[in-house]
Amino acid sequence: AAPGARREPARGVAPYTGVRLSLSTAGELSLGGRR
């Protein structure tokens, strides 16, 4: 991103209608680096 510009997050949306997503966590998944 250009200095001072806000980078937009990657986004995945529901590809089909009629499919619900139920969450079992607080709505956040954390992924670590090289480990």
ModelCIF file with pLDDT and N, C-alpha, C, O atoms, coordinates in Angstrom:
data_MODEL
#
_entry.id   MODEL 
#
_entity.id                         1 
_entity.type                       polymer 
_entity.pdbx_number_of_molecules   1 
#
_entity_poly.entity_id                      1 
_entity_poly.type                           'polypeptide(L)' 
_entity_poly.nstd_linkage                   no 
_entity_poly.nstd_monomer                   no 
_entity_poly.pdbx_seq_one_letter_code       AAPGARREPARGVAPYTGVRLSLSTAGELSLGGRR 
_entity_poly.pdbx_seq_one_letter_code_can   AAPGARREPARGVAPYTGVRLSLSTAGELSLGGRR 
_entity_poly.pdbx_strand_id                 A 
#
loop_
_entity_poly_seq.entity_id 
_entity_poly_seq.num 
_entity_poly_seq.mon_id 
_entity_poly_seq.hetero 
1 1  ALA n 
1 2  ALA n 
1 3  PRO n 
1 4  GLY n 
1 5  ALA n 
1 6  ARG n 
1 7  ARG n 
1 8  GLU n 
1 9  PRO n 
1 10 ALA n 
1 11 ARG n 
1 12 GLY n 
1 13 VAL n 
1 14 ALA n 
1 15 PRO n 
1 16 TYR n 
1 17 THR n 
1 18 GLY n 
1 19 VAL n 
1 20 ARG n 
1 21 LEU n 
1 22 SER n 
1 23 LEU n 
1 24 SER n 
1 25 THR n 
1 26 ALA n 
1 27 GLY n 
1 28 GLU n 
1 29 LEU n 
1 30 SER n 
1 31 LEU n 
1 32 GLY n 
1 33 GLY n 
1 34 ARG n 
1 35 ARG n 
#
_struct_asym.id          A 
_struct_asym.entity_id   1 
#
loop_
_ma_qa_metric.id 
_ma_qa_metric.mode 
_ma_qa_metric.name 
_ma_qa_metric.software_group_id 
_ma_qa_metric.type 
1 global pLDDT . pLDDT 
2 local  pLDDT . pLDDT 
#
_ma_qa_metric_global.metric_id      1 
_ma_qa_metric_global.metric_value   74.71 
_ma_qa_metric_global.model_id       1 
_ma_qa_metric_global.ordinal_id     1 
#
loop_
_ma_qa_metric_local.label_asym_id 
_ma_qa_metric_local.label_comp_id 
_ma_qa_metric_local.label_seq_id 
_ma_qa_metric_local.metric_id 
_ma_qa_metric_local.metric_value 
_ma_qa_metric_local.model_id 
_ma_qa_metric_local.ordinal_id 
A ALA 1  2 60.00 1 1  
A ALA 2  2 60.00 1 2  
A PRO 3  2 63.00 1 3  
A GLY 4  2 63.00 1 4  
A ALA 5  2 64.00 1 5  
A ARG 6  2 67.00 1 6  
A ARG 7  2 69.00 1 7  
A GLU 8  2 70.00 1 8  
A PRO 9  2 75.00 1 9  
A ALA 10 2 79.00 1 10 
A ARG 11 2 82.00 1 11 
A GLY 12 2 82.00 1 12 
A VAL 13 2 83.00 1 13 
A ALA 14 2 83.00 1 14 
A PRO 15 2 82.00 1 15 
A TYR 16 2 81.00 1 16 
A THR 17 2 84.00 1 17 
A GLY 18 2 87.00 1 18 
A VAL 19 2 87.00 1 19 
A ARG 20 2 89.00 1 20 
A LEU 21 2 87.00 1 21 
A SER 22 2 81.00 1 22 
A LEU 23 2 72.00 1 23 
A SER 24 2 66.00 1 24 
A THR 25 2 68.00 1 25 
A ALA 26 2 64.00 1 26 
A GLY 27 2 65.00 1 27 
A GLU 28 2 74.00 1 28 
A LEU 29 2 79.00 1 29 
A SER 30 2 79.00 1 30 
A LEU 31 2 79.00 1 31 
A GLY 32 2 77.00 1 32 
A GLY 33 2 73.00 1 33 
A ARG 34 2 69.00 1 34 
A ARG 35 2 72.00 1 35 
#
loop_
_atom_site.group_PDB 
_atom_site.id 
_atom_site.type_symbol 
_atom_site.label_atom_id 
_atom_site.label_alt_id 
_atom_site.label_comp_id 
_atom_site.label_asym_id 
_atom_site.label_entity_id 
_atom_site.label_seq_id 
_atom_site.pdbx_PDB_ins_code 
_atom_site.Cartn_x 
_atom_site.Cartn_y 
_atom_site.Cartn_z 
_atom_site.occupancy 
_atom_site.B_iso_or_equiv 
_atom_site.pdbx_formal_charge 
_atom_site.auth_seq_id 
_atom_site.auth_comp_id 
_atom_site.auth_asym_id 
_atom_site.auth_atom_id 
_atom_site.pdbx_PDB_model_num 
ATOM 1   N N  . ALA A 1 1  ? 0.853   -1.183  0.000  1.00 60.00 ? 1  ALA A N  1 
ATOM 2   C CA . ALA A 1 1  ? 0.000   0.000   0.000  1.00 60.00 ? 1  ALA A CA 1 
ATOM 3   C C  . ALA A 1 1  ? 0.892   1.238   0.000  1.00 60.00 ? 1  ALA A C  1 
ATOM 4   O O  . ALA A 1 1  ? 2.010   1.213   0.515  1.00 60.00 ? 1  ALA A O  1 
ATOM 5   N N  . ALA A 1 2  ? 0.389   2.304   -0.577 1.00 60.00 ? 2  ALA A N  1 
ATOM 6   C CA . ALA A 1 2  ? 1.128   3.564   -0.560 1.00 60.00 ? 2  ALA A CA 1 
ATOM 7   C C  . ALA A 1 2  ? 1.246   4.049   0.883  1.00 60.00 ? 2  ALA A C  1 
ATOM 8   O O  . ALA A 1 2  ? 0.376   3.755   1.703  1.00 60.00 ? 2  ALA A O  1 
ATOM 9   N N  . PRO A 1 3  ? 2.304   4.786   1.203  1.00 63.00 ? 3  PRO A N  1 
ATOM 10  C CA . PRO A 1 3  ? 2.456   5.281   2.578  1.00 63.00 ? 3  PRO A CA 1 
ATOM 11  C C  . PRO A 1 3  ? 1.232   6.094   3.005  1.00 63.00 ? 3  PRO A C  1 
ATOM 12  O O  . PRO A 1 3  ? 0.805   7.013   2.307  1.00 63.00 ? 3  PRO A O  1 
ATOM 13  N N  . GLY A 1 4  ? 0.694   5.744   4.136  1.00 63.00 ? 4  GLY A N  1 
ATOM 14  C CA . GLY A 1 4  ? -0.469  6.445   4.673  1.00 63.00 ? 4  GLY A CA 1 
ATOM 15  C C  . GLY A 1 4  ? -1.795  5.943   4.119  1.00 63.00 ? 4  GLY A C  1 
ATOM 16  O O  . GLY A 1 4  ? -2.848  6.360   4.601  1.00 63.00 ? 4  GLY A O  1 
ATOM 17  N N  . ALA A 1 5  ? -1.780  5.067   3.129  1.00 64.00 ? 5  ALA A N  1 
ATOM 18  C CA . ALA A 1 5  ? -3.016  4.547   2.549  1.00 64.00 ? 5  ALA A CA 1 
ATOM 19  C C  . ALA A 1 5  ? -3.525  3.379   3.382  1.00 64.00 ? 5  ALA A C  1 
ATOM 20  O O  . ALA A 1 5  ? -2.745  2.624   3.962  1.00 64.00 ? 5  ALA A O  1 
ATOM 21  N N  . ARG A 1 6  ? -4.812  3.246   3.430  1.00 67.00 ? 6  ARG A N  1 
ATOM 22  C CA . ARG A 1 6  ? -5.421  2.147   4.182  1.00 67.00 ? 6  ARG A CA 1 
ATOM 23  C C  . ARG A 1 6  ? -5.550  0.944   3.254  1.00 67.00 ? 6  ARG A C  1 
ATOM 24  O O  . ARG A 1 6  ? -6.119  1.053   2.167  1.00 67.00 ? 6  ARG A O  1 
ATOM 25  N N  . ARG A 1 7  ? -5.029  -0.190  3.674  1.00 69.00 ? 7  ARG A N  1 
ATOM 26  C CA . ARG A 1 7  ? -5.112  -1.412  2.873  1.00 69.00 ? 7  ARG A CA 1 
ATOM 27  C C  . ARG A 1 7  ? -6.429  -2.115  3.178  1.00 69.00 ? 7  ARG A C  1 
ATOM 28  O O  . ARG A 1 7  ? -6.792  -2.285  4.342  1.00 69.00 ? 7  ARG A O  1 
ATOM 29  N N  . GLU A 1 8  ? -7.131  -2.519  2.146  1.00 70.00 ? 8  GLU A N  1 
ATOM 30  C CA . GLU A 1 8  ? -8.403  -3.223  2.313  1.00 70.00 ? 8  GLU A CA 1 
ATOM 31  C C  . GLU A 1 8  ? -8.137  -4.689  2.671  1.00 70.00 ? 8  GLU A C  1 
ATOM 32  O O  . GLU A 1 8  ? -7.223  -5.300  2.117  1.00 70.00 ? 8  GLU A O  1 
ATOM 33  N N  . PRO A 1 9  ? -8.916  -5.252  3.579  1.00 75.00 ? 9  PRO A N  1 
ATOM 34  C CA . PRO A 1 9  ? -8.717  -6.665  3.924  1.00 75.00 ? 9  PRO A CA 1 
ATOM 35  C C  . PRO A 1 9  ? -9.242  -7.575  2.812  1.00 75.00 ? 9  PRO A C  1 
ATOM 36  O O  . PRO A 1 9  ? -10.150 -7.204  2.068  1.00 75.00 ? 9  PRO A O  1 
ATOM 37  N N  . ALA A 1 10 ? -8.658  -8.765  2.712  1.00 79.00 ? 10 ALA A N  1 
ATOM 38  C CA . ALA A 1 10 ? -9.196  -9.775  1.805  1.00 79.00 ? 10 ALA A CA 1 
ATOM 39  C C  . ALA A 1 10 ? -10.563 -10.181 2.328  1.00 79.00 ? 10 ALA A C  1 
ATOM 40  O O  . ALA A 1 10 ? -10.796 -10.182 3.537  1.00 79.00 ? 10 ALA A O  1 
ATOM 41  N N  . ARG A 1 11 ? -11.460 -10.523 1.425  1.00 82.00 ? 11 ARG A N  1 
ATOM 42  C CA . ARG A 1 11 ? -12.821 -10.830 1.845  1.00 82.00 ? 11 ARG A CA 1 
ATOM 43  C C  . ARG A 1 11 ? -13.339 -12.045 1.088  1.00 82.00 ? 11 ARG A C  1 
ATOM 44  O O  . ARG A 1 11 ? -13.173 -12.141 -0.128 1.00 82.00 ? 11 ARG A O  1 
ATOM 45  N N  . GLY A 1 12 ? -13.957 -12.955 1.794  1.00 82.00 ? 12 GLY A N  1 
ATOM 46  C CA . GLY A 1 12 ? -14.622 -14.105 1.198  1.00 82.00 ? 12 GLY A CA 1 
ATOM 47  C C  . GLY A 1 12 ? -16.098 -14.029 1.533  1.00 82.00 ? 12 GLY A C  1 
ATOM 48  O O  . GLY A 1 12 ? -16.464 -13.857 2.696  1.00 82.00 ? 12 GLY A O  1 
ATOM 49  N N  . VAL A 1 13 ? -16.948 -14.156 0.525  1.00 83.00 ? 13 VAL A N  1 
ATOM 50  C CA . VAL A 1 13 ? -18.389 -14.044 0.748  1.00 83.00 ? 13 VAL A CA 1 
ATOM 51  C C  . VAL A 1 13 ? -19.069 -15.355 0.376  1.00 83.00 ? 13 VAL A C  1 
ATOM 52  O O  . VAL A 1 13 ? -18.495 -16.188 -0.326 1.00 83.00 ? 13 VAL A O  1 
ATOM 53  N N  . ALA A 1 14 ? -20.281 -15.524 0.849  1.00 83.00 ? 14 ALA A N  1 
ATOM 54  C CA . ALA A 1 14 ? -21.050 -16.732 0.565  1.00 83.00 ? 14 ALA A CA 1 
ATOM 55  C C  . ALA A 1 14 ? -21.272 -16.857 -0.943 1.00 83.00 ? 14 ALA A C  1 
ATOM 56  O O  . ALA A 1 14 ? -21.878 -15.973 -1.547 1.00 83.00 ? 14 ALA A O  1 
ATOM 57  N N  . PRO A 1 15 ? -20.792 -17.942 -1.561 1.00 82.00 ? 15 PRO A N  1 
ATOM 58  C CA . PRO A 1 15 ? -20.961 -18.071 -3.006 1.00 82.00 ? 15 PRO A CA 1 
ATOM 59  C C  . PRO A 1 15 ? -22.361 -18.507 -3.427 1.00 82.00 ? 15 PRO A C  1 
ATOM 60  O O  . PRO A 1 15 ? -22.728 -18.349 -4.592 1.00 82.00 ? 15 PRO A O  1 
ATOM 61  N N  . TYR A 1 16 ? -23.149 -19.053 -2.502 1.00 81.00 ? 16 TYR A N  1 
ATOM 62  C CA . TYR A 1 16 ? -24.484 -19.555 -2.830 1.00 81.00 ? 16 TYR A CA 1 
ATOM 63  C C  . TYR A 1 16 ? -25.494 -19.009 -1.842 1.00 81.00 ? 16 TYR A C  1 
ATOM 64  O O  . TYR A 1 16 ? -25.156 -18.742 -0.689 1.00 81.00 ? 16 TYR A O  1 
ATOM 65  N N  . THR A 1 17 ? -26.716 -18.843 -2.277 1.00 84.00 ? 17 THR A N  1 
ATOM 66  C CA . THR A 1 17 ? -27.786 -18.447 -1.365 1.00 84.00 ? 17 THR A CA 1 
ATOM 67  C C  . THR A 1 17 ? -28.335 -19.702 -0.696 1.00 84.00 ? 17 THR A C  1 
ATOM 68  O O  . THR A 1 17 ? -28.243 -20.798 -1.249 1.00 84.00 ? 17 THR A O  1 
ATOM 69  N N  . GLY A 1 18 ? -28.890 -19.542 0.468  1.00 87.00 ? 18 GLY A N  1 
ATOM 70  C CA . GLY A 1 18 ? -29.480 -20.666 1.178  1.00 87.00 ? 18 GLY A CA 1 
ATOM 71  C C  . GLY A 1 18 ? -28.511 -21.467 2.027  1.00 87.00 ? 18 GLY A C  1 
ATOM 72  O O  . GLY A 1 18 ? -28.909 -22.466 2.626  1.00 87.00 ? 18 GLY A O  1 
ATOM 73  N N  . VAL A 1 19 ? -27.250 -21.059 2.096  1.00 87.00 ? 19 VAL A N  1 
ATOM 74  C CA . VAL A 1 19 ? -26.264 -21.751 2.924  1.00 87.00 ? 19 VAL A CA 1 
ATOM 75  C C  . VAL A 1 19 ? -25.906 -20.845 4.095  1.00 87.00 ? 19 VAL A C  1 
ATOM 76  O O  . VAL A 1 19 ? -25.416 -19.733 3.901  1.00 87.00 ? 19 VAL A O  1 
ATOM 77  N N  . ARG A 1 20 ? -26.152 -21.325 5.305  1.00 89.00 ? 20 ARG A N  1 
ATOM 78  C CA . ARG A 1 20 ? -25.883 -20.548 6.519  1.00 89.00 ? 20 ARG A CA 1 
ATOM 79  C C  . ARG A 1 20 ? -24.540 -20.930 7.112  1.00 89.00 ? 20 ARG A C  1 
ATOM 80  O O  . ARG A 1 20 ? -24.113 -22.081 7.018  1.00 89.00 ? 20 ARG A O  1 
ATOM 81  N N  . LEU A 1 21 ? -23.878 -19.959 7.724  1.00 87.00 ? 21 LEU A N  1 
ATOM 82  C CA . LEU A 1 21 ? -22.643 -20.210 8.470  1.00 87.00 ? 21 LEU A CA 1 
ATOM 83  C C  . LEU A 1 21 ? -22.942 -20.005 9.940  1.00 87.00 ? 21 LEU A C  1 
ATOM 84  O O  . LEU A 1 21 ? -23.363 -18.926 10.357 1.00 87.00 ? 21 LEU A O  1 
ATOM 85  N N  . SER A 1 22 ? -22.721 -21.049 10.723 1.00 81.00 ? 22 SER A N  1 
ATOM 86  C CA . SER A 1 22 ? -22.856 -20.969 12.172 1.00 81.00 ? 22 SER A CA 1 
ATOM 87  C C  . SER A 1 22 ? -21.455 -20.977 12.754 1.00 81.00 ? 22 SER A C  1 
ATOM 88  O O  . SER A 1 22 ? -20.600 -21.741 12.306 1.00 81.00 ? 22 SER A O  1 
ATOM 89  N N  . LEU A 1 23 ? -21.214 -20.148 13.733 1.00 72.00 ? 23 LEU A N  1 
ATOM 90  C CA . LEU A 1 23 ? -19.891 -20.024 14.336 1.00 72.00 ? 23 LEU A CA 1 
ATOM 91  C C  . LEU A 1 23 ? -19.856 -20.729 15.672 1.00 72.00 ? 23 LEU A C  1 
ATOM 92  O O  . LEU A 1 23 ? -20.803 -20.652 16.454 1.00 72.00 ? 23 LEU A O  1 
ATOM 93  N N  . SER A 1 24 ? -18.762 -21.413 15.928 1.00 66.00 ? 24 SER A N  1 
ATOM 94  C CA . SER A 1 24 ? -18.607 -22.037 17.229 1.00 66.00 ? 24 SER A CA 1 
ATOM 95  C C  . SER A 1 24 ? -17.584 -21.296 18.074 1.00 66.00 ? 24 SER A C  1 
ATOM 96  O O  . SER A 1 24 ? -17.405 -21.603 19.253 1.00 66.00 ? 24 SER A O  1 
ATOM 97  N N  . THR A 1 25 ? -16.922 -20.334 17.481 1.00 68.00 ? 25 THR A N  1 
ATOM 98  C CA . THR A 1 25 ? -15.918 -19.547 18.192 1.00 68.00 ? 25 THR A CA 1 
ATOM 99  C C  . THR A 1 25 ? -16.425 -18.122 18.308 1.00 68.00 ? 25 THR A C  1 
ATOM 100 O O  . THR A 1 25 ? -17.562 -17.831 17.937 1.00 68.00 ? 25 THR A O  1 
ATOM 101 N N  . ALA A 1 26 ? -15.612 -17.260 18.806 1.00 64.00 ? 26 ALA A N  1 
ATOM 102 C CA . ALA A 1 26 ? -16.007 -15.861 18.978 1.00 64.00 ? 26 ALA A CA 1 
ATOM 103 C C  . ALA A 1 26 ? -16.038 -15.105 17.656 1.00 64.00 ? 26 ALA A C  1 
ATOM 104 O O  . ALA A 1 26 ? -16.169 -13.881 17.652 1.00 64.00 ? 26 ALA A O  1 
ATOM 105 N N  . GLY A 1 27 ? -15.924 -15.800 16.553 1.00 65.00 ? 27 GLY A N  1 
ATOM 106 C CA . GLY A 1 27 ? -15.968 -15.145 15.259 1.00 65.00 ? 27 GLY A CA 1 
ATOM 107 C C  . GLY A 1 27 ? -14.604 -14.759 14.729 1.00 65.00 ? 27 GLY A C  1 
ATOM 108 O O  . GLY A 1 27 ? -14.509 -14.064 13.718 1.00 65.00 ? 27 GLY A O  1 
ATOM 109 N N  . GLU A 1 28 ? -13.532 -15.202 15.401 1.00 74.00 ? 28 GLU A N  1 
ATOM 110 C CA . GLU A 1 28 ? -12.187 -14.870 14.951 1.00 74.00 ? 28 GLU A CA 1 
ATOM 111 C C  . GLU A 1 28 ? -11.299 -16.101 14.980 1.00 74.00 ? 28 GLU A C  1 
ATOM 112 O O  . GLU A 1 28 ? -11.296 -16.856 15.952 1.00 74.00 ? 28 GLU A O  1 
ATOM 113 N N  . LEU A 1 29 ? -10.549 -16.295 13.908 1.00 79.00 ? 29 LEU A N  1 
ATOM 114 C CA . LEU A 1 29 ? -9.578  -17.372 13.803 1.00 79.00 ? 29 LEU A CA 1 
ATOM 115 C C  . LEU A 1 29 ? -8.220  -16.722 13.654 1.00 79.00 ? 29 LEU A C  1 
ATOM 116 O O  . LEU A 1 29 ? -8.039  -15.865 12.789 1.00 79.00 ? 29 LEU A O  1 
ATOM 117 N N  . SER A 1 30 ? -7.263  -17.109 14.477 1.00 79.00 ? 30 SER A N  1 
ATOM 118 C CA . SER A 1 30 ? -5.923  -16.524 14.451 1.00 79.00 ? 30 SER A CA 1 
ATOM 119 C C  . SER A 1 30 ? -4.944  -17.540 13.872 1.00 79.00 ? 30 SER A C  1 
ATOM 120 O O  . SER A 1 30 ? -4.883  -18.679 14.334 1.00 79.00 ? 30 SER A O  1 
ATOM 121 N N  . LEU A 1 31 ? -4.172  -17.125 12.854 1.00 79.00 ? 31 LEU A N  1 
ATOM 122 C CA . LEU A 1 31 ? -3.201  -17.993 12.189 1.00 79.00 ? 31 LEU A CA 1 
ATOM 123 C C  . LEU A 1 31 ? -1.801  -17.482 12.464 1.00 79.00 ? 31 LEU A C  1 
ATOM 124 O O  . LEU A 1 31 ? -1.543  -16.284 12.352 1.00 79.00 ? 31 LEU A O  1 
ATOM 125 N N  . GLY A 1 32 ? -0.882  -18.390 12.827 1.00 77.00 ? 32 GLY A N  1 
ATOM 126 C CA . GLY A 1 32 ? 0.497   -18.009 13.128 1.00 77.00 ? 32 GLY A CA 1 
ATOM 127 C C  . GLY A 1 32 ? 1.377   -18.045 11.904 1.00 77.00 ? 32 GLY A C  1 
ATOM 128 O O  . GLY A 1 32 ? 0.949   -18.509 10.847 1.00 77.00 ? 32 GLY A O  1 
ATOM 129 N N  . GLY A 1 33 ? 2.593   -17.568 12.022 1.00 73.00 ? 33 GLY A N  1 
ATOM 130 C CA . GLY A 1 33 ? 3.538   -17.469 10.918 1.00 73.00 ? 33 GLY A CA 1 
ATOM 131 C C  . GLY A 1 33 ? 4.201   -18.777 10.553 1.00 73.00 ? 33 GLY A C  1 
ATOM 132 O O  . GLY A 1 33 ? 3.521   -19.768 10.289 1.00 73.00 ? 33 GLY A O  1 
ATOM 133 N N  . ARG A 1 34 ? 5.517   -18.790 10.534 1.00 69.00 ? 34 ARG A N  1 
ATOM 134 C CA . ARG A 1 34 ? 6.261   -19.954 10.058 1.00 69.00 ? 34 ARG A CA 1 
ATOM 135 C C  . ARG A 1 34 ? 6.095   -21.185 10.926 1.00 69.00 ? 34 ARG A C  1 
ATOM 136 O O  . ARG A 1 34 ? 6.360   -22.298 10.471 1.00 69.00 ? 34 ARG A O  1 
ATOM 137 N N  . ARG A 1 35 ? 5.673   -21.014 12.137 1.00 72.00 ? 35 ARG A N  1 
ATOM 138 C CA . ARG A 1 35 ? 5.471   -22.181 13.007 1.00 72.00 ? 35 ARG A CA 1 
ATOM 139 C C  . ARG A 1 35 ? 4.135   -22.869 12.736 1.00 72.00 ? 35 ARG A C  1 
ATOM 140 O O  . ARG A 1 35 ? 3.811   -23.866 13.381 1.00 72.00 ? 35 ARG A O  1 
#
